[in-house]
Amino acid sequence: MAYLQVHFWPGGTEEQYGAMIKVLHPGTGLPEGQRSHTSGPTEGGYLISVIWDSKERSDAFMQNTLLPVLPVDGGFAGAPEERAAEVAHDE
């Protein structure tokens, strides 16, 4: 089942987002198992919404790609506020 994650970094900036994506996303597009990735600055910080093929794909990305490269020079500091859910409606 598809898996939705929403991350909010209080005080996050477009520059910090760019530093993270440069390191975490392959030049050919989205990481394996990631269906969509949308993001943008919002009041008080930076918001990212991602849909994965499954929670297992998300967990694998976190363990094998994200955590090994942290902290990213110029990237977001600390952990984001996170919400996640199994996708119930995918239209």
C-alpha atoms as a PDB file:
ATOM      1  CA  MET A   1       0.000   0.000   0.000  1.00  0.00           C
ATOM      2  CA  ALA A   2       1.245   3.502  -0.821  1.00  0.00           C
ATOM      3  CA  TYR A   3       2.676   5.549   2.046  1.00  0.00           C
ATOM      4  CA  LEU A   4       2.412   9.331   2.536  1.00  0.00           C
ATOM      5  CA  GLN A   5       4.922  11.416   4.497  1.00  0.00           C
ATOM      6  CA  VAL A   6       4.718  15.119   5.209  1.00  0.00           C
ATOM      7  CA  HIS A   7       7.731  16.864   6.759  1.00  0.00           C
ATOM      8  CA  PHE A   8       7.871  20.410   8.076  1.00  0.00           C
ATOM      9  CA  TRP A   9      11.136  22.060   9.065  1.00  0.00           C
ATOM     10  CA  PRO A  10      10.485  25.115  11.239  1.00  0.00           C
ATOM     11  CA  GLY A  11      12.707  27.911   9.973  1.00  0.00           C
ATOM     12  CA  GLY A  12      13.739  25.843   6.923  1.00  0.00           C
ATOM     13  CA  THR A  13      14.702  27.652   3.710  1.00  0.00           C
ATOM     14  CA  GLU A  14      14.794  27.000  -0.023  1.00  0.00           C
ATOM     15  CA  GLU A  15      18.610  26.986   0.153  1.00  0.00           C
ATOM     16  CA  GLN A  16      18.612  24.259   2.813  1.00  0.00           C
ATOM     17  CA  TYR A  17      16.142  22.220   0.752  1.00  0.00           C
ATOM     18  CA  GLY A  18      18.389  22.537  -2.311  1.00  0.00           C
ATOM     19  CA  ALA A  19      21.406  21.287  -0.369  1.00  0.00           C
ATOM     20  CA  MET A  20      19.448  18.240   0.816  1.00  0.00           C
ATOM     21  CA  ILE A  21      18.036  17.328  -2.598  1.00  0.00           C
ATOM     22  CA  LYS A  22      21.442  17.645  -4.239  1.00  0.00           C
ATOM     23  CA  VAL A  23      22.737  14.896  -1.939  1.00  0.00           C
ATOM     24  CA  LEU A  24      19.637  12.712  -1.581  1.00  0.00           C
ATOM     25  CA  HIS A  25      18.029  12.547  -5.022  1.00  0.00           C
ATOM     26  CA  PRO A  26      19.716  10.856  -7.958  1.00  0.00           C
ATOM     27  CA  GLY A  27      20.328  12.994 -11.047  1.00  0.00           C
ATOM     28  CA  THR A  28      17.892  10.808 -12.961  1.00  0.00           C
ATOM     29  CA  GLY A  29      14.847  11.707 -10.863  1.00  0.00           C
ATOM     30  CA  LEU A  30      13.218  10.348  -7.745  1.00  0.00           C
ATOM     31  CA  PRO A  31      14.767   7.734  -5.461  1.00  0.00           C
ATOM     32  CA  GLU A  32      13.660   4.154  -6.033  1.00  0.00           C
ATOM     33  CA  GLY A  33      10.149   3.611  -4.716  1.00  0.00           C
ATOM     34  CA  GLN A  34       9.251   7.306  -4.453  1.00  0.00           C
ATOM     35  CA  ARG A  35       6.151   8.093  -6.552  1.00  0.00           C
ATOM     36  CA  SER A  36       5.990  11.838  -6.006  1.00  0.00           C
ATOM     37  CA  HIS A  37       7.833  14.611  -4.223  1.00  0.00           C
ATOM     38  CA  THR A  38       6.437  18.108  -3.763  1.00  0.00           C
ATOM     39  CA  SER A  39       7.784  20.899  -1.618  1.00  0.00           C
ATOM     40  CA  GLY A  40       7.819  24.589  -0.943  1.00  0.00           C
ATOM     41  CA  PRO A  41       8.367  27.361   1.541  1.00  0.00           C
ATOM     42  CA  THR A  42       5.457  28.084   3.861  1.00  0.00           C
ATOM     43  CA  GLU A  43       4.783  30.341   6.797  1.00  0.00           C
ATOM     44  CA  GLY A  44       7.441  29.623   9.389  1.00  0.00           C
ATOM     45  CA  GLY A  45       9.502  27.081   7.462  1.00  0.00           C
ATOM     46  CA  TYR A  46       9.645  24.527   4.679  1.00  0.00           C
ATOM     47  CA  LEU A  47       7.134  21.777   3.818  1.00  0.00           C
ATOM     48  CA  ILE A  48       7.767  18.528   1.906  1.00  0.00           C
ATOM     49  CA  SER A  49       5.187  15.920   0.882  1.00  0.00           C
ATOM     50  CA  VAL A  50       6.280  12.532  -0.473  1.00  0.00           C
ATOM     51  CA  ILE A  51       4.404   9.431  -1.601  1.00  0.00           C
ATOM     52  CA  TRP A  52       6.247   6.095  -1.552  1.00  0.00           C
ATOM     53  CA  ASP A  53       5.244   2.744  -3.015  1.00  0.00           C
ATOM     54  CA  SER A  54       5.176   1.422   0.563  1.00  0.00           C
ATOM     55  CA  LYS A  55       6.281   2.159   4.111  1.00  0.00           C
ATOM     56  CA  GLU A  56       9.055  -0.406   3.608  1.00  0.00           C
ATOM     57  CA  ARG A  57      10.471   1.653   0.700  1.00  0.00           C
ATOM     58  CA  SER A  58      10.388   4.770   2.859  1.00  0.00           C
ATOM     59  CA  ASP A  59      12.110   2.961   5.725  1.00  0.00           C
ATOM     60  CA  ALA A  60      14.800   1.613   3.373  1.00  0.00           C
ATOM     61  CA  PHE A  61      15.487   5.127   2.029  1.00  0.00           C
ATOM     62  CA  MET A  62      15.773   6.495   5.560  1.00  0.00           C
ATOM     63  CA  GLN A  63      18.175   3.751   6.697  1.00  0.00           C
ATOM     64  CA  ASN A  64      20.267   3.321   3.544  1.00  0.00           C
ATOM     65  CA  THR A  65      20.327   6.813   2.014  1.00  0.00           C
ATOM     66  CA  LEU A  66      19.277   9.594   4.378  1.00  0.00           C
ATOM     67  CA  LEU A  67      20.761   8.651   7.747  1.00  0.00           C
ATOM     68  CA  PRO A  68      24.230   7.730   6.402  1.00  0.00           C
ATOM     69  CA  VAL A  69      24.750  11.226   4.900  1.00  0.00           C
ATOM     70  CA  LEU A  70      23.466  13.333   7.794  1.00  0.00           C
ATOM     71  CA  PRO A  71      24.192  16.053   8.554  1.00  0.00           C
ATOM     72  CA  VAL A  72      24.189  17.537   5.036  1.00  0.00           C
ATOM     73  CA  ASP A  73      26.375  20.641   4.771  1.00  0.00           C
ATOM     74  CA  GLY A  74      23.999  23.584   4.324  1.00  0.00           C
ATOM     75  CA  GLY A  75      20.913  21.358   4.720  1.00  0.00           C
ATOM     76  CA  PHE A  76      18.129  21.286   7.274  1.00  0.00           C
ATOM     77  CA  ALA A  77      19.178  21.050  10.908  1.00  0.00           C
ATOM     78  CA  GLY A  78      17.577  18.584  13.281  1.00  0.00           C
ATOM     79  CA  ALA A  79      14.540  16.449  12.713  1.00  0.00           C
ATOM     80  CA  PRO A  80      11.379  17.705  11.023  1.00  0.00           C
ATOM     81  CA  GLU A  81       7.862  17.655  12.357  1.00  0.00           C
ATOM     82  CA  GLU A  82       6.435  14.585  10.628  1.00  0.00           C
ATOM     83  CA  ARG A  83       3.059  13.146   9.780  1.00  0.00           C
ATOM     84  CA  ALA A  84       2.665   9.872   7.912  1.00  0.00           C
ATOM     85  CA  ALA A  85      -0.191   7.643   6.775  1.00  0.00           C
ATOM     86  CA  GLU A  86      -1.021   4.627   4.682  1.00  0.00           C
ATOM     87  CA  VAL A  87      -2.683   6.119   1.593  1.00  0.00           C
ATOM     88  CA  ALA A  88      -6.431   5.477   1.647  1.00  0.00           C
ATOM     89  CA  HIS A  89      -7.335   7.507  -1.468  1.00  0.00           C
ATOM     90  CA  ASP A  90      -4.992   7.753  -4.454  1.00  0.00           C
ATOM     91  CA  GLU A  91      -6.691   9.426  -7.386  1.00  0.00           C
END
